[in-house]
Amino acid sequence: MSAENGRPWVPWLVTALVVLLAGGVLFLAHRGSTQAQAQAEEARKAADEAQARARDADAARQQLAEKLAALETERARLTTEKEQLSTEKDQLSQTVQEQEAELAKLKATYDDLQDKMKAEIAEGAIKLSQAQGRIQVDLVDKVLFDSGDASISKRGQEVLKRLGGVLAKVDDKSIQVSGHTDDSPPSQKLQSTFPTNWELSVARAVNVVRFLQEQGNVPARRMIAAGYGETRPISANATPQGRARNRRIEVLLIPDLTAKKTAAVRTARDSR
């Protein structure tokens, strides 16, 4: 009897072993493939997470850069504002000092006029006033002129010499001399010379200006002569007292804008 005939189960056993071995190999291969896939998936997830973190880091860096740029812009703005405020403070301080110096000079001039004209002020022939950087001297006509005349009287010359002594020392003011009358027209005797109060008021103002220049040494370039006739009364013409107040010469000291502009230009040029 042959071996095959003696062991009929051997081929089946071999076949079963082959099948089991093949199954084991397939199982192990499948298991290895699954593990590789899992590892690959984990690697892909890790890569995605790394990319996400990189994007977040880039975004954070961008935000930080923008914040730093904004802070730098704000710092530059604050620095500029600080410099501007410092400049404005210096300019304001200089302006205050200039105003204080101007007020001091104005007060000195006012006090000087009060001292030189105290007799006429006491009798009411001259009135001094001061406001808004200006000084005004009102002189009633009888102090300077004879009735209906434009020529300066002897007493008027004395008064104007004292007035000129003060005005000649004032170098930062323009001086406007204006003539004023009441509403009575010039007498028939005077109408050939002064047809209306316009001519009389202008002639008186011009004569005062000329006297201040020639006898008081007040620079002509700083003086202005004007005549207003009866158009600017300071009292009613219904009474003799009111008419007397309206017949006057006004001397007005006002800031010299041309001189201030020239000084400002010179200061700006020197500061360059």
C-alpha atoms as a PDB file:
ATOM      1  CA  MET A   1       0.000   0.000   0.000  1.00  0.00           C
ATOM      2  CA  SER A   2       1.427   3.440  -0.932  1.00  0.00           C
ATOM      3  CA  ALA A   3       1.902   6.380   1.459  1.00  0.00           C
ATOM      4  CA  GLU A   4      -0.949   8.264  -0.177  1.00  0.00           C
ATOM      5  CA  ASN A   5      -3.157   5.383   0.281  1.00  0.00           C
ATOM      6  CA  GLY A   6      -2.001   4.937   3.878  1.00  0.00           C
ATOM      7  CA  ARG A   7      -2.473   8.640   4.844  1.00  0.00           C
ATOM      8  CA  PRO A   8      -5.260  10.146   2.816  1.00  0.00           C
ATOM      9  CA  TRP A   9      -5.494  13.212   5.115  1.00  0.00           C
ATOM     10  CA  VAL A  10      -1.981  14.490   4.393  1.00  0.00           C
ATOM     11  CA  PRO A  11      -2.833  16.508   1.291  1.00  0.00           C
ATOM     12  CA  TRP A  12      -5.646  18.134   3.132  1.00  0.00           C
ATOM     13  CA  LEU A  13      -3.401  18.947   5.984  1.00  0.00           C
ATOM     14  CA  VAL A  14      -0.832  20.501   3.676  1.00  0.00           C
ATOM     15  CA  THR A  15      -3.536  22.459   1.949  1.00  0.00           C
ATOM     16  CA  ALA A  16      -4.896  23.663   5.261  1.00  0.00           C
ATOM     17  CA  LEU A  17      -1.442  24.676   6.412  1.00  0.00           C
ATOM     18  CA  VAL A  18      -0.844  26.542   3.176  1.00  0.00           C
ATOM     19  CA  VAL A  19      -4.179  28.295   3.506  1.00  0.00           C
ATOM     20  CA  LEU A  20      -3.482  29.183   7.134  1.00  0.00           C
ATOM     21  CA  LEU A  21      -0.015  30.409   6.269  1.00  0.00           C
ATOM     22  CA  ALA A  22      -1.352  32.503   3.403  1.00  0.00           C
ATOM     23  CA  GLY A  23      -4.079  33.857   5.648  1.00  0.00           C
ATOM     24  CA  GLY A  24      -1.513  34.753   8.291  1.00  0.00           C
ATOM     25  CA  VAL A  25       0.630  36.457   5.738  1.00  0.00           C
ATOM     26  CA  LEU A  26      -2.381  38.351   4.399  1.00  0.00           C
ATOM     27  CA  PHE A  27      -3.422  39.272   7.954  1.00  0.00           C
ATOM     28  CA  LEU A  28       0.010  40.512   8.827  1.00  0.00           C
ATOM     29  CA  ALA A  29       0.217  42.424   5.540  1.00  0.00           C
ATOM     30  CA  HIS A  30      -3.199  43.991   6.105  1.00  0.00           C
ATOM     31  CA  ARG A  31      -2.330  44.842   9.685  1.00  0.00           C
ATOM     32  CA  GLY A  32       0.914  46.443   8.566  1.00  0.00           C
ATOM     33  CA  SER A  33      -0.907  48.426   5.878  1.00  0.00           C
ATOM     34  CA  THR A  34      -3.493  49.648   8.387  1.00  0.00           C
ATOM     35  CA  GLN A  35      -0.818  50.730  10.808  1.00  0.00           C
ATOM     36  CA  ALA A  36       1.034  52.517   7.993  1.00  0.00           C
ATOM     37  CA  GLN A  37      -2.152  54.268   6.984  1.00  0.00           C
ATOM     38  CA  ALA A  38      -2.798  55.299  10.571  1.00  0.00           C
ATOM     39  CA  GLN A  39       0.729  56.569  10.914  1.00  0.00           C
ATOM     40  CA  ALA A  40       0.410  58.425   7.616  1.00  0.00           C
ATOM     41  CA  GLU A  41      -2.871  59.986   8.780  1.00  0.00           C
ATOM     42  CA  GLU A  42      -1.270  61.027  12.058  1.00  0.00           C
ATOM     43  CA  ALA A  43       1.651  62.507  10.145  1.00  0.00           C
ATOM     44  CA  ARG A  44      -0.750  64.401   7.868  1.00  0.00           C
ATOM     45  CA  LYS A  45      -2.673  65.735  10.873  1.00  0.00           C
ATOM     46  CA  ALA A  46       0.567  66.766  12.535  1.00  0.00           C
ATOM     47  CA  ALA A  47       1.628  68.544   9.340  1.00  0.00           C
ATOM     48  CA  ASP A  48      -1.760  70.311   9.116  1.00  0.00           C
ATOM     49  CA  GLU A  49      -1.500  71.378  12.746  1.00  0.00           C
ATOM     50  CA  ALA A  50       2.043  72.639  12.177  1.00  0.00           C
ATOM     51  CA  GLN A  51       0.894  74.621   9.151  1.00  0.00           C
ATOM     52  CA  ALA A  52      -2.016  76.057  11.160  1.00  0.00           C
ATOM     53  CA  ARG A  53       0.338  77.037  13.963  1.00  0.00           C
ATOM     54  CA  ALA A  54       2.675  78.604  11.418  1.00  0.00           C
ATOM     55  CA  ARG A  55      -0.233  80.573   9.921  1.00  0.00           C
ATOM     56  CA  ASP A  56      -1.316  81.687  13.400  1.00  0.00           C
ATOM     57  CA  ALA A  57       2.257  82.705  14.177  1.00  0.00           C
ATOM     58  CA  ASP A  58       2.457  84.679  10.920  1.00  0.00           C
ATOM     59  CA  ALA A  59      -0.860  86.385  11.682  1.00  0.00           C
ATOM     60  CA  ALA A  60       0.312  87.195  15.207  1.00  0.00           C
ATOM     61  CA  ARG A  61       3.565  88.607  13.843  1.00  0.00           C
ATOM     62  CA  GLN A  62       1.602  90.677  11.314  1.00  0.00           C
ATOM     63  CA  GLN A  63      -0.709  92.027  14.019  1.00  0.00           C
ATOM     64  CA  LEU A  64       2.281  92.813  16.217  1.00  0.00           C
ATOM     65  CA  ALA A  65       3.997  94.602  13.324  1.00  0.00           C
ATOM     66  CA  GLU A  66       0.837  96.633  12.665  1.00  0.00           C
ATOM     67  CA  LYS A  67       0.536  97.532  16.356  1.00  0.00           C
ATOM     68  CA  LEU A  68       4.195  98.543  16.449  1.00  0.00           C
ATOM     69  CA  ALA A  69       3.715 100.680  13.321  1.00  0.00           C
ATOM     70  CA  ALA A  70       0.619 102.304  14.862  1.00  0.00           C
ATOM     71  CA  LEU A  71       2.513 102.973  18.095  1.00  0.00           C
ATOM     72  CA  GLU A  72       5.389 104.499  16.140  1.00  0.00           C
ATOM     73  CA  THR A  73       2.962 106.705  14.216  1.00  0.00           C
ATOM     74  CA  GLU A  74       1.318 107.782  17.485  1.00  0.00           C
ATOM     75  CA  ARG A  75       4.716 108.447  19.057  1.00  0.00           C
ATOM     76  CA  ALA A  76       5.711 110.612  16.077  1.00  0.00           C
ATOM     77  CA  ARG A  77       2.389 112.481  16.318  1.00  0.00           C
ATOM     78  CA  LEU A  78       2.801 113.078  20.039  1.00  0.00           C
ATOM     79  CA  THR A  79       6.385 114.226  19.496  1.00  0.00           C
ATOM     80  CA  THR A  80       5.215 116.700  16.842  1.00  0.00           C
ATOM     81  CA  GLU A  81       2.404 117.959  19.099  1.00  0.00           C
ATOM     82  CA  LYS A  82       4.854 118.334  21.964  1.00  0.00           C
ATOM     83  CA  GLU A  83       7.179 120.394  19.785  1.00  0.00           C
ATOM     84  CA  GLN A  84       4.266 122.504  18.552  1.00  0.00           C
ATOM     85  CA  LEU A  85       3.025 123.080  22.100  1.00  0.00           C
ATOM     86  CA  SER A  86       6.536 124.019  23.194  1.00  0.00           C
ATOM     87  CA  THR A  87       6.793 126.499  20.309  1.00  0.00           C
ATOM     88  CA  GLU A  88       3.341 127.935  21.075  1.00  0.00           C
ATOM     89  CA  LYS A  89       4.279 128.227  24.744  1.00  0.00           C
ATOM     90  CA  ASP A  90       7.441 130.132  23.859  1.00  0.00           C
ATOM     91  CA  GLN A  91       5.512 132.380  21.474  1.00  0.00           C
ATOM     92  CA  LEU A  92       2.809 132.995  24.076  1.00  0.00           C
ATOM     93  CA  SER A  93       5.420 133.781  26.705  1.00  0.00           C
ATOM     94  CA  GLN A  94       7.091 136.209  24.316  1.00  0.00           C
ATOM     95  CA  THR A  95       3.735 137.799  23.463  1.00  0.00           C
ATOM     96  CA  VAL A  96       2.895 138.215  27.146  1.00  0.00           C
ATOM     97  CA  GLN A  97       6.281 139.802  27.808  1.00  0.00           C
ATOM     98  CA  GLU A  98       5.826 142.157  24.849  1.00  0.00           C
ATOM     99  CA  GLN A  99       2.331 143.116  26.022  1.00  0.00           C
ATOM    100  CA  GLU A 100       3.562 143.731  29.550  1.00  0.00           C
ATOM    101  CA  ALA A 101       6.408 145.872  28.220  1.00  0.00           C
ATOM    102  CA  GLU A 102       3.978 147.791  25.991  1.00  0.00           C
ATOM    103  CA  LEU A 103       1.563 148.360  28.873  1.00  0.00           C
ATOM    104  CA  ALA A 104       4.441 149.581  31.024  1.00  0.00           C
ATOM    105  CA  LYS A 105       5.508 152.037  28.313  1.00  0.00           C
ATOM    106  CA  LEU A 106       1.911 153.158  27.826  1.00  0.00           C
ATOM    107  CA  LYS A 107       1.492 153.786  31.546  1.00  0.00           C
ATOM    108  CA  ALA A 108       4.774 155.712  31.639  1.00  0.00           C
ATOM    109  CA  THR A 109       3.576 157.926  28.772  1.00  0.00           C
ATOM    110  CA  TYR A 110       0.200 158.439  30.436  1.00  0.00           C
ATOM    111  CA  ASP A 111       1.816 159.344  33.749  1.00  0.00           C
ATOM    112  CA  ASP A 112       4.187 161.734  31.962  1.00  0.00           C
ATOM    113  CA  LEU A 113       1.278 163.468  30.227  1.00  0.00           C
ATOM    114  CA  GLN A 114      -0.572 163.774  33.527  1.00  0.00           C
ATOM    115  CA  ASP A 115       2.470 165.385  35.105  1.00  0.00           C
ATOM    116  CA  LYS A 116       3.128 167.808  32.223  1.00  0.00           C
ATOM    117  CA  MET A 117      -0.528 168.796  31.797  1.00  0.00           C
ATOM    118  CA  LYS A 118      -1.687 168.724  35.434  1.00  0.00           C
ATOM    119  CA  ALA A 119      -2.595 172.425  35.534  1.00  0.00           C
ATOM    120  CA  GLU A 120      -4.827 172.232  32.434  1.00  0.00           C
ATOM    121  CA  ILE A 121      -6.254 168.889  33.597  1.00  0.00           C
ATOM    122  CA  ALA A 122      -7.121 170.416  36.949  1.00  0.00           C
ATOM    123  CA  GLU A 123      -9.023 173.290  35.339  1.00  0.00           C
ATOM    124  CA  GLY A 124     -10.827 170.956  32.899  1.00  0.00           C
ATOM    125  CA  ALA A 125      -9.182 172.332  29.750  1.00  0.00           C
ATOM    126  CA  ILE A 126      -7.512 168.991  28.989  1.00  0.00           C
ATOM    127  CA  LYS A 127      -8.874 165.492  29.471  1.00  0.00           C
ATOM    128  CA  LEU A 128      -6.770 162.325  29.388  1.00  0.00           C
ATOM    129  CA  SER A 129      -8.139 158.849  28.764  1.00  0.00           C
ATOM    130  CA  GLN A 130      -6.567 155.443  28.198  1.00  0.00           C
ATOM    131  CA  ALA A 131      -8.127 152.258  26.767  1.00  0.00           C
ATOM    132  CA  GLN A 132      -7.188 149.264  24.594  1.00  0.00           C
ATOM    133  CA  GLY A 133      -3.570 150.284  24.142  1.00  0.00           C
ATOM    134  CA  ARG A 134      -4.481 153.875  23.194  1.00  0.00           C
ATOM    135  CA  ILE A 135      -4.086 157.236  24.870  1.00  0.00           C
ATOM    136  CA  GLN A 136      -6.364 160.147  23.984  1.00  0.00           C
ATOM    137  CA  VAL A 137      -5.753 163.792  24.849  1.00  0.00           C
ATOM    138  CA  ASP A 138      -8.762 166.093  24.436  1.00  0.00           C
ATOM    139  CA  LEU A 139      -7.921 169.821  24.398  1.00  0.00           C
ATOM    140  CA  VAL A 140     -10.750 172.369  24.336  1.00  0.00           C
ATOM    141  CA  ASP A 141     -10.246 174.940  21.612  1.00  0.00           C
ATOM    142  CA  LYS A 142      -9.821 177.916  23.943  1.00  0.00           C
ATOM    143  CA  VAL A 143      -6.600 176.381  25.285  1.00  0.00           C
ATOM    144  CA  LEU A 144      -4.995 176.502  21.844  1.00  0.00           C
ATOM    145  CA  PHE A 145      -6.849 179.088  19.738  1.00  0.00           C
ATOM    146  CA  ASP A 146      -8.515 182.423  19.975  1.00  0.00           C
ATOM    147  CA  SER A 147     -12.212 182.424  19.154  1.00  0.00           C
ATOM    148  CA  GLY A 148     -12.874 181.584  15.503  1.00  0.00           C
ATOM    149  CA  ASP A 149      -9.168 181.480  14.670  1.00  0.00           C
ATOM    150  CA  ALA A 150      -6.952 178.632  13.501  1.00  0.00           C
ATOM    151  CA  SER A 151      -3.671 180.229  14.579  1.00  0.00           C
ATOM    152  CA  ILE A 152      -2.207 178.826  17.797  1.00  0.00           C
ATOM    153  CA  SER A 153      -2.290 181.295  20.680  1.00  0.00           C
ATOM    154  CA  LYS A 154       0.660 182.005  22.985  1.00  0.00           C
ATOM    155  CA  ARG A 155      -0.878 179.912  25.705  1.00  0.00           C
ATOM    156  CA  GLY A 156      -1.530 177.198  23.155  1.00  0.00           C
ATOM    157  CA  GLN A 157       2.130 177.234  22.143  1.00  0.00           C
ATOM    158  CA  GLU A 158       3.186 176.676  25.756  1.00  0.00           C
ATOM    159  CA  VAL A 159       0.772 173.796  26.122  1.00  0.00           C
ATOM    160  CA  LEU A 160       1.849 172.167  22.851  1.00  0.00           C
ATOM    161  CA  LYS A 161       5.543 172.476  23.738  1.00  0.00           C
ATOM    162  CA  ARG A 162       4.920 170.467  26.889  1.00  0.00           C
ATOM    163  CA  LEU A 163       2.772 168.015  24.981  1.00  0.00           C
ATOM    164  CA  GLY A 164       5.427 167.685  22.256  1.00  0.00           C
ATOM    165  CA  GLY A 165       8.092 166.963  24.872  1.00  0.00           C
ATOM    166  CA  VAL A 166       6.169 163.829  25.820  1.00  0.00           C
ATOM    167  CA  LEU A 167       5.108 162.781  22.307  1.00  0.00           C
ATOM    168  CA  ALA A 168       8.644 163.063  20.943  1.00  0.00           C
ATOM    169  CA  LYS A 169       9.720 160.236  23.274  1.00  0.00           C
ATOM    170  CA  VAL A 170       6.994 157.865  22.115  1.00  0.00           C
ATOM    171  CA  ASP A 171       8.473 155.808  19.287  1.00  0.00           C
ATOM    172  CA  ASP A 172       5.927 152.979  18.930  1.00  0.00           C
ATOM    173  CA  LYS A 173       2.709 154.934  18.371  1.00  0.00           C
ATOM    174  CA  SER A 174       1.111 156.804  15.520  1.00  0.00           C
ATOM    175  CA  ILE A 175      -0.264 160.213  16.501  1.00  0.00           C
ATOM    176  CA  GLN A 176      -3.546 161.367  14.995  1.00  0.00           C
ATOM    177  CA  VAL A 177      -4.451 165.021  15.531  1.00  0.00           C
ATOM    178  CA  SER A 178      -8.073 165.758  14.671  1.00  0.00           C
ATOM    179  CA  GLY A 179      -9.996 169.003  14.743  1.00  0.00           C
ATOM    180  CA  HIS A 180     -13.667 169.225  15.817  1.00  0.00           C
ATOM    181  CA  THR A 181     -16.184 172.074  15.974  1.00  0.00           C
ATOM    182  CA  ASP A 182     -19.707 172.661  17.234  1.00  0.00           C
ATOM    183  CA  ASP A 183     -22.593 172.969  14.771  1.00  0.00           C
ATOM    184  CA  SER A 184     -22.422 176.752  14.413  1.00  0.00           C
ATOM    185  CA  PRO A 185     -21.086 177.809  11.001  1.00  0.00           C
ATOM    186  CA  PRO A 186     -18.099 180.168  10.885  1.00  0.00           C
ATOM    187  CA  SER A 187     -18.972 183.839  11.238  1.00  0.00           C
ATOM    188  CA  GLN A 188     -19.325 185.966   8.124  1.00  0.00           C
ATOM    189  CA  LYS A 189     -15.970 187.540   8.965  1.00  0.00           C
ATOM    190  CA  LEU A 190     -14.265 184.127   8.789  1.00  0.00           C
ATOM    191  CA  GLN A 191     -16.205 182.574   5.909  1.00  0.00           C
ATOM    192  CA  SER A 192     -13.838 183.983   3.311  1.00  0.00           C
ATOM    193  CA  THR A 193     -11.063 181.904   4.922  1.00  0.00           C
ATOM    194  CA  PHE A 194     -13.126 179.040   6.327  1.00  0.00           C
ATOM    195  CA  PRO A 195     -16.322 178.628   4.289  1.00  0.00           C
ATOM    196  CA  THR A 196     -17.465 175.721   6.514  1.00  0.00           C
ATOM    197  CA  ASN A 197     -16.476 173.980   9.723  1.00  0.00           C
ATOM    198  CA  TRP A 198     -14.611 171.422   7.639  1.00  0.00           C
ATOM    199  CA  GLU A 199     -12.001 173.967   6.611  1.00  0.00           C
ATOM    200  CA  LEU A 200     -11.722 175.366  10.147  1.00  0.00           C
ATOM    201  CA  SER A 201     -11.286 171.942  11.792  1.00  0.00           C
ATOM    202  CA  VAL A 202      -8.725 170.810   9.213  1.00  0.00           C
ATOM    203  CA  ALA A 203      -6.732 174.055   9.450  1.00  0.00           C
ATOM    204  CA  ARG A 204      -6.536 173.790  13.237  1.00  0.00           C
ATOM    205  CA  ALA A 205      -5.401 170.140  13.103  1.00  0.00           C
ATOM    206  CA  VAL A 206      -2.746 170.932  10.483  1.00  0.00           C
ATOM    207  CA  ASN A 207      -1.415 173.879  12.507  1.00  0.00           C
ATOM    208  CA  VAL A 208      -1.121 171.684  15.624  1.00  0.00           C
ATOM    209  CA  VAL A 209       0.742 169.011  13.653  1.00  0.00           C
ATOM    210  CA  ARG A 210       3.115 171.557  12.172  1.00  0.00           C
ATOM    211  CA  PHE A 211       3.831 173.075  15.589  1.00  0.00           C
ATOM    212  CA  LEU A 212       4.486 169.654  17.150  1.00  0.00           C
ATOM    213  CA  GLN A 213       6.898 168.876  14.345  1.00  0.00           C
ATOM    214  CA  GLU A 214       8.710 172.216  14.214  1.00  0.00           C
ATOM    215  CA  GLN A 215       8.694 173.179  17.891  1.00  0.00           C
ATOM    216  CA  GLY A 216       8.157 169.869  19.658  1.00  0.00           C
ATOM    217  CA  ASN A 217      10.527 167.726  17.536  1.00  0.00           C
ATOM    218  CA  VAL A 218       7.837 165.097  16.958  1.00  0.00           C
ATOM    219  CA  PRO A 219       8.675 163.148  13.748  1.00  0.00           C
ATOM    220  CA  ALA A 220       6.306 164.126  10.943  1.00  0.00           C
ATOM    221  CA  ARG A 221       6.122 160.544   9.651  1.00  0.00           C
ATOM    222  CA  ARG A 222       4.337 159.493  12.836  1.00  0.00           C
ATOM    223  CA  MET A 223       1.635 162.164  12.700  1.00  0.00           C
ATOM    224  CA  ILE A 224      -1.698 162.398  10.898  1.00  0.00           C
ATOM    225  CA  ALA A 225      -3.866 165.529  10.597  1.00  0.00           C
ATOM    226  CA  ALA A 226      -7.626 165.168  10.183  1.00  0.00           C
ATOM    227  CA  GLY A 227     -10.653 167.453  10.368  1.00  0.00           C
ATOM    228  CA  TYR A 228     -14.144 166.233  11.251  1.00  0.00           C
ATOM    229  CA  GLY A 229     -15.979 169.540  11.483  1.00  0.00           C
ATOM    230  CA  GLU A 230     -19.182 169.172  13.470  1.00  0.00           C
ATOM    231  CA  THR A 231     -19.796 165.507  12.577  1.00  0.00           C
ATOM    232  CA  ARG A 232     -18.478 163.905  15.770  1.00  0.00           C
ATOM    233  CA  PRO A 233     -19.850 165.755  18.780  1.00  0.00           C
ATOM    234  CA  ILE A 234     -19.193 164.423  22.281  1.00  0.00           C
ATOM    235  CA  SER A 235     -21.933 166.565  23.855  1.00  0.00           C
ATOM    236  CA  ALA A 236     -25.213 168.147  22.870  1.00  0.00           C
ATOM    237  CA  ASN A 237     -24.953 171.474  21.062  1.00  0.00           C
ATOM    238  CA  ALA A 238     -28.069 172.731  22.866  1.00  0.00           C
ATOM    239  CA  THR A 239     -26.094 174.381  25.692  1.00  0.00           C
ATOM    240  CA  PRO A 240     -23.039 176.657  25.757  1.00  0.00           C
ATOM    241  CA  GLN A 241     -21.210 174.074  27.860  1.00  0.00           C
ATOM    242  CA  GLY A 242     -21.928 171.311  25.355  1.00  0.00           C
ATOM    243  CA  ARG A 243     -20.864 173.479  22.424  1.00  0.00           C
ATOM    244  CA  ALA A 244     -17.623 174.318  24.219  1.00  0.00           C
ATOM    245  CA  ARG A 245     -16.866 170.619  24.727  1.00  0.00           C
ATOM    246  CA  ASN A 246     -17.432 169.886  21.048  1.00  0.00           C
ATOM    247  CA  ARG A 247     -14.949 172.572  19.967  1.00  0.00           C
ATOM    248  CA  ARG A 248     -11.781 170.621  20.587  1.00  0.00           C
ATOM    249  CA  ILE A 249      -8.558 169.102  19.325  1.00  0.00           C
ATOM    250  CA  GLU A 250      -8.112 165.379  19.886  1.00  0.00           C
ATOM    251  CA  VAL A 251      -4.625 163.864  20.011  1.00  0.00           C
ATOM    252  CA  LEU A 252      -4.850 160.086  19.742  1.00  0.00           C
ATOM    253  CA  LEU A 253      -1.889 157.781  20.283  1.00  0.00           C
ATOM    254  CA  ILE A 254      -2.528 154.466  18.564  1.00  0.00           C
ATOM    255  CA  PRO A 255      -0.305 151.388  17.985  1.00  0.00           C
ATOM    256  CA  ASP A 256       1.982 151.824  14.988  1.00  0.00           C
ATOM    257  CA  LEU A 257       1.119 148.726  12.937  1.00  0.00           C
ATOM    258  CA  THR A 258       3.819 149.437  10.363  1.00  0.00           C
ATOM    259  CA  ALA A 259       6.505 149.540  13.034  1.00  0.00           C
ATOM    260  CA  LYS A 260       5.169 146.341  14.622  1.00  0.00           C
ATOM    261  CA  LYS A 261       5.155 144.558  11.263  1.00  0.00           C
ATOM    262  CA  THR A 262       8.715 145.656  10.540  1.00  0.00           C
ATOM    263  CA  ALA A 263       9.840 144.485  13.983  1.00  0.00           C
ATOM    264  CA  ALA A 264       8.088 141.120  13.480  1.00  0.00           C
ATOM    265  CA  VAL A 265       9.781 140.601  10.105  1.00  0.00           C
ATOM    266  CA  ARG A 266      13.167 141.501  11.610  1.00  0.00           C
ATOM    267  CA  THR A 267      12.630 139.072  14.497  1.00  0.00           C
ATOM    268  CA  ALA A 268      11.614 136.258  12.140  1.00  0.00           C
ATOM    269  CA  ARG A 269      14.674 136.902   9.970  1.00  0.00           C
ATOM    270  CA  ASP A 270      17.025 136.910  12.964  1.00  0.00           C
ATOM    271  CA  SER A 271      15.591 133.637  14.288  1.00  0.00           C
ATOM    272  CA  ARG A 272      16.403 131.723  11.098  1.00  0.00           C
END
